[in-house]
Protein backbone atom coordinates (compact mmCIF):
# COMPACT_ATOMS: atom_id res chain seq x y z
CA MET A 1 36.07 5.60 -10.70
CA GLU A 2 32.36 5.78 -10.14
CA ASN A 3 30.62 9.56 -10.13
CA ASN A 4 28.25 8.76 -6.92
CA ARG A 5 26.83 12.50 -6.90
CA ILE A 6 23.16 13.14 -7.25
CA PRO A 7 22.53 15.58 -9.81
CA TYR A 8 21.70 19.11 -9.40
CA ASN A 9 19.04 19.47 -12.08
CA GLN A 10 17.28 16.03 -12.16
CA GLU A 11 15.20 15.21 -14.74
CA PHE A 12 11.37 13.43 -14.06
CA ASP A 13 9.28 11.24 -16.42
CA TYR A 14 5.63 9.85 -15.08
CA GLN A 15 7.12 7.11 -13.41
CA PHE A 16 7.92 9.06 -10.66
CA LEU A 17 4.55 9.95 -9.77
CA LYS A 18 3.02 7.36 -7.71
CA PRO A 19 6.63 6.19 -5.77
CA VAL A 20 6.93 9.89 -4.47
CA ARG A 21 3.49 10.08 -3.86
CA MET A 22 3.51 6.29 -1.72
CA ILE A 23 6.92 7.41 -0.13
CA ARG A 24 5.18 10.46 1.46
CA ASN A 25 1.41 8.21 1.94
CA LYS A 26 -0.56 10.27 0.00
CA THR A 27 -3.96 10.49 -1.92
CA GLN A 28 -3.46 11.10 -5.53
CA GLY A 29 -5.75 13.61 -4.23
CA GLN A 30 -3.50 15.25 -1.71
CA LEU A 31 -1.06 15.27 -4.28
CA GLY A 32 -3.56 16.21 -6.70
CA GLU A 33 -4.05 19.93 -4.90
CA LEU A 34 -0.29 19.88 -4.26
CA MET A 35 0.23 19.94 -8.49
CA GLY A 36 -3.00 21.78 -8.68
CA VAL A 37 -4.77 19.64 -10.66
CA CYS A 38 -7.75 16.74 -10.49
CA PRO A 39 -6.88 13.58 -8.79
CA SER A 40 -8.17 12.21 -12.55
CA THR A 41 -5.46 13.65 -13.83
CA ILE A 42 -2.84 12.22 -11.42
CA GLY A 43 -3.91 9.03 -11.97
CA LYS A 44 -3.86 9.40 -15.83
CA LEU A 45 -0.32 11.17 -15.66
CA GLU A 46 0.53 7.55 -13.16
CA ARG A 47 -0.94 5.21 -15.69
CA GLY A 48 0.88 7.03 -19.12
CA GLU A 49 -2.30 7.68 -20.41
CA LEU A 50 -1.62 11.28 -20.22
CA LYS A 51 1.49 12.67 -21.26
CA PHE A 52 4.08 13.91 -18.56
CA SER A 53 4.14 17.61 -20.63
CA PRO A 54 6.76 20.07 -19.30
CA LEU A 55 4.14 22.00 -17.47
CA TYR A 56 3.13 18.97 -15.42
CA GLU A 57 6.84 18.46 -14.65
CA SER A 58 7.27 21.33 -13.07
CA LYS A 59 4.07 21.04 -10.89
CA PHE A 60 5.29 18.31 -9.55
CA LYS A 61 9.04 19.24 -9.15
CA GLU A 62 6.82 22.11 -7.09
CA ALA A 63 4.97 19.35 -5.21
CA THR A 64 8.14 17.67 -4.29
CA LYS A 65 9.70 20.74 -2.43
CA ARG A 66 6.31 21.23 -0.56
CA LEU A 67 6.30 17.54 0.65
CA ARG A 68 10.48 18.38 1.01
CA VAL A 69 11.24 14.99 -0.76
CA SER A 70 15.16 15.02 -0.46
CA GLY A 71 17.47 14.21 -3.65
CA ILE A 72 18.34 11.14 -2.27
CA GLU A 73 15.01 10.22 -2.34
CA LEU A 74 14.46 10.96 -6.00
CA ALA A 75 17.96 9.52 -6.83
CA SER A 76 16.61 6.09 -5.06
CA ILE A 77 13.51 6.37 -7.30
CA ARG A 78 15.45 6.95 -10.12
CA LYS A 79 17.72 3.87 -8.96
CA MET A 80 14.48 1.21 -8.39
CA LEU A 81 12.59 1.95 -11.68
CA GLU A 82 16.33 1.36 -13.15
CA MET A 83 16.14 -1.95 -11.36
CA LYS A 84 12.93 -2.60 -12.53
CA LYS A 85 12.76 -1.79 -16.42
CA GLN A 86 16.28 -4.45 -16.17
CA ARG A 87 14.59 -7.20 -13.96
CA GLY A 88 11.07 -6.84 -16.80
CA TYR A 89 9.13 -5.65 -14.17
CA LYS A 90 6.16 -2.71 -15.13
C-alpha cells in the first residue's frame, strides 16, 4: 500500500525557489524581500550558482509561510521536479 502522507518537515533545495515564486506570481525582487536577501542572490540560488545553505533554506521556509504555500503545493512541486528529472528535463 502506497503512503500518500505529506512529510511534516519537508526539505528543500534550490530547485523549489522558482516554482514557488511562479505559483505566487512573484518577481525575484519580491521573493528576495520576503527572504531578506538581494534579488541577485535569488537569481544565483535559482540557477544553482550559489550554495543553498541551511541559512537560505530557513529563509525560504519563512517566505513560504508568509506566502501561505501549503504542504500539498510543495509536495506537488516536489513530484513535478522528480518527473522532470526522470524525463531528463533541466
